[in-house]
């Protein structure tokens, strides 16, 4: 089973001071060694993670890069393609969801055949499903 982790989950794994980090870390630790699960995140989140940890949390850039590298060793990055953009644009204009950034990331997870997206984003959780991908909270599994 391919599991897509939203940016907020990845940030939680790297920044334990976040409000939702305890649940995200517990969820990941419970599931990370299951043989039937593979974990992915958008490689495009790397810049967001770096910015958050260096600018907002004031952590040393070298340590942040090492932490992101370790994250990529356990959770494989998926990179956006132009087709993800095109599908997200269509979904946006069709009124599927009003957050283009989330749509483009969701389409990349679907393209990669992820069956679940784990997030703590309340608006995404309200969708429940996106195409063939379930959207679940780290509190649900």
Protein backbone atom coordinates (compact mmCIF):
# COMPACT_ATOMS: atom_id res chain seq x y z
CA UNK A 1 0.00 0.00 0.00
CA UNK A 2 1.39 3.38 -1.02
CA UNK A 3 0.83 6.13 1.54
CA UNK A 4 1.24 9.81 0.67
CA UNK A 5 2.21 12.09 3.58
CA UNK A 6 1.12 15.72 3.40
CA UNK A 7 3.60 18.52 4.18
CA UNK A 8 2.15 19.02 7.66
CA UNK A 9 2.89 15.41 8.57
CA UNK A 10 6.48 15.70 7.32
CA UNK A 11 6.94 18.91 9.30
CA UNK A 12 5.53 17.19 12.38
CA UNK A 13 8.09 14.41 12.00
CA UNK A 14 10.93 16.96 11.92
CA UNK A 15 9.59 19.55 14.39
CA UNK A 16 8.26 18.06 17.62
CA UNK A 17 7.21 21.50 18.91
CA UNK A 18 4.23 21.58 16.52
CA UNK A 19 0.78 21.05 18.01
CA UNK A 20 0.02 17.99 15.88
CA UNK A 21 3.48 16.43 15.98
CA UNK A 22 2.77 13.98 18.81
CA UNK A 23 -0.03 12.27 16.87
CA UNK A 24 1.87 12.32 13.58
CA UNK A 25 5.01 10.86 15.14
CA UNK A 26 3.00 8.17 16.96
CA UNK A 27 1.17 7.28 13.73
CA UNK A 28 4.40 7.07 11.73
CA UNK A 29 6.26 5.03 14.37
CA UNK A 30 3.34 2.58 14.51
CA UNK A 31 3.28 2.11 10.73
CA UNK A 32 6.80 2.71 9.41
CA UNK A 33 8.00 -0.89 9.64
CA UNK A 34 4.91 -2.53 8.14
CA UNK A 35 6.07 -4.53 5.14
CA UNK A 36 2.94 -3.74 3.12
CA UNK A 37 3.33 0.05 3.43
CA UNK A 38 5.49 2.38 1.35
CA UNK A 39 5.67 6.07 2.26
CA UNK A 40 5.90 9.05 -0.09
CA UNK A 41 5.75 12.83 0.10
CA UNK A 42 5.97 15.62 -2.44
CA UNK A 43 9.60 16.45 -3.09
CA UNK A 44 8.35 19.97 -3.68
CA UNK A 45 7.73 20.19 0.08
CA UNK A 46 11.49 20.17 0.67
CA UNK A 47 11.76 23.93 0.19
CA UNK A 48 8.79 24.53 2.50
CA UNK A 49 10.27 22.28 5.17
CA UNK A 50 13.67 23.97 4.87
CA UNK A 51 12.11 27.43 5.09
CA UNK A 52 9.94 26.55 8.08
CA UNK A 53 12.76 24.99 10.06
CA UNK A 54 15.43 27.60 9.28
CA UNK A 55 13.38 30.81 9.19
CA UNK A 56 10.52 30.10 11.58
CA UNK A 57 12.25 27.76 14.02
CA UNK A 58 15.73 29.29 13.49
CA UNK A 59 17.47 25.92 13.18
CA UNK A 60 20.89 25.59 11.58
CA UNK A 61 20.63 25.07 7.81
CA UNK A 62 23.15 22.23 7.75
CA UNK A 63 21.22 20.32 10.42
CA UNK A 64 17.98 20.89 8.54
CA UNK A 65 19.48 19.57 5.31
CA UNK A 66 20.71 16.47 7.15
CA UNK A 67 17.25 15.97 8.67
CA UNK A 68 15.57 16.33 5.27
CA UNK A 69 18.09 13.87 3.81
CA UNK A 70 17.24 11.38 6.58
CA UNK A 71 13.52 11.91 5.90
CA UNK A 72 14.09 11.15 2.20
CA UNK A 73 15.87 7.96 3.24
CA UNK A 74 12.67 6.66 4.84
CA UNK A 75 9.96 8.48 2.90
CA UNK A 76 10.47 8.71 -0.86
CA UNK A 77 9.91 12.06 -2.55
CA UNK A 78 7.55 12.28 -5.52
CA UNK A 79 8.16 15.24 -7.82
CA UNK A 80 5.45 17.21 -9.57
CA UNK A 81 5.02 16.98 -13.32
CA UNK A 82 3.35 19.23 -15.84
CA UNK A 83 0.46 16.77 -16.08
CA UNK A 84 -0.12 17.21 -12.32
CA UNK A 85 -0.40 20.94 -12.97
CA UNK A 86 -2.82 20.40 -15.87
CA UNK A 87 -5.05 18.05 -13.89
CA UNK A 88 -5.00 20.35 -10.86
CA UNK A 89 -5.93 23.31 -13.04
CA UNK A 90 -8.91 21.40 -14.44
CA UNK A 91 -9.99 20.27 -10.96
CA UNK A 92 -9.67 23.83 -9.67
CA UNK A 93 -11.78 25.32 -12.47
CA UNK A 94 -14.31 22.48 -12.20
CA UNK A 95 -14.80 23.37 -8.52
CA UNK A 96 -13.49 20.07 -7.13
CA UNK A 97 -11.54 21.92 -4.42
CA UNK A 98 -10.55 25.56 -4.04
CA UNK A 99 -6.93 25.11 -2.93
CA UNK A 100 -4.80 24.80 -6.06
CA UNK A 101 -1.63 23.97 -4.13
CA UNK A 102 -3.34 21.01 -2.46
CA UNK A 103 -4.87 19.90 -5.75
CA UNK A 104 -1.54 19.73 -7.55
CA UNK A 105 -0.02 17.70 -4.70
CA UNK A 106 -3.05 15.38 -4.52
CA UNK A 107 -2.83 14.75 -8.25
CA UNK A 108 0.82 13.75 -7.88
CA UNK A 109 -0.15 11.23 -5.18
CA UNK A 110 -2.88 9.81 -7.42
CA UNK A 111 -0.46 9.64 -10.37
CA UNK A 112 1.87 7.61 -8.20
CA UNK A 113 -1.02 5.26 -7.22
CA UNK A 114 -1.06 6.19 -3.54
CA UNK A 115 -4.14 4.70 -1.90
CA UNK A 116 -4.13 7.01 1.13
CA UNK A 117 -3.09 10.55 1.94
CA UNK A 118 -2.33 11.25 5.60
CA UNK A 119 -2.83 14.88 6.62
CA UNK A 120 -3.85 17.09 9.51
CA UNK A 121 -5.29 19.72 7.17
CA UNK A 122 -8.93 20.03 8.24
CA UNK A 123 -10.08 21.26 4.83
CA UNK A 124 -8.45 18.31 3.07
CA UNK A 125 -9.88 15.90 5.62
CA UNK A 126 -13.38 17.14 4.78
CA UNK A 127 -12.87 15.85 1.23
CA UNK A 128 -12.56 12.32 2.60
CA UNK A 129 -11.45 11.01 -0.79
CA UNK A 130 -9.72 12.37 -3.83
CA UNK A 131 -10.22 10.24 -6.90
CA UNK A 132 -9.07 6.77 -5.69
CA UNK A 133 -7.11 8.07 -2.70
CA UNK A 134 -8.57 8.17 0.82
CA UNK A 135 -7.72 11.25 2.86
CA UNK A 136 -7.15 10.39 6.51
CA UNK A 137 -5.84 12.03 9.65
CA UNK A 138 -2.87 10.72 11.60
CA UNK A 139 -5.44 10.31 14.40
CA UNK A 140 -7.45 7.76 12.37
CA UNK A 141 -4.96 4.95 11.89
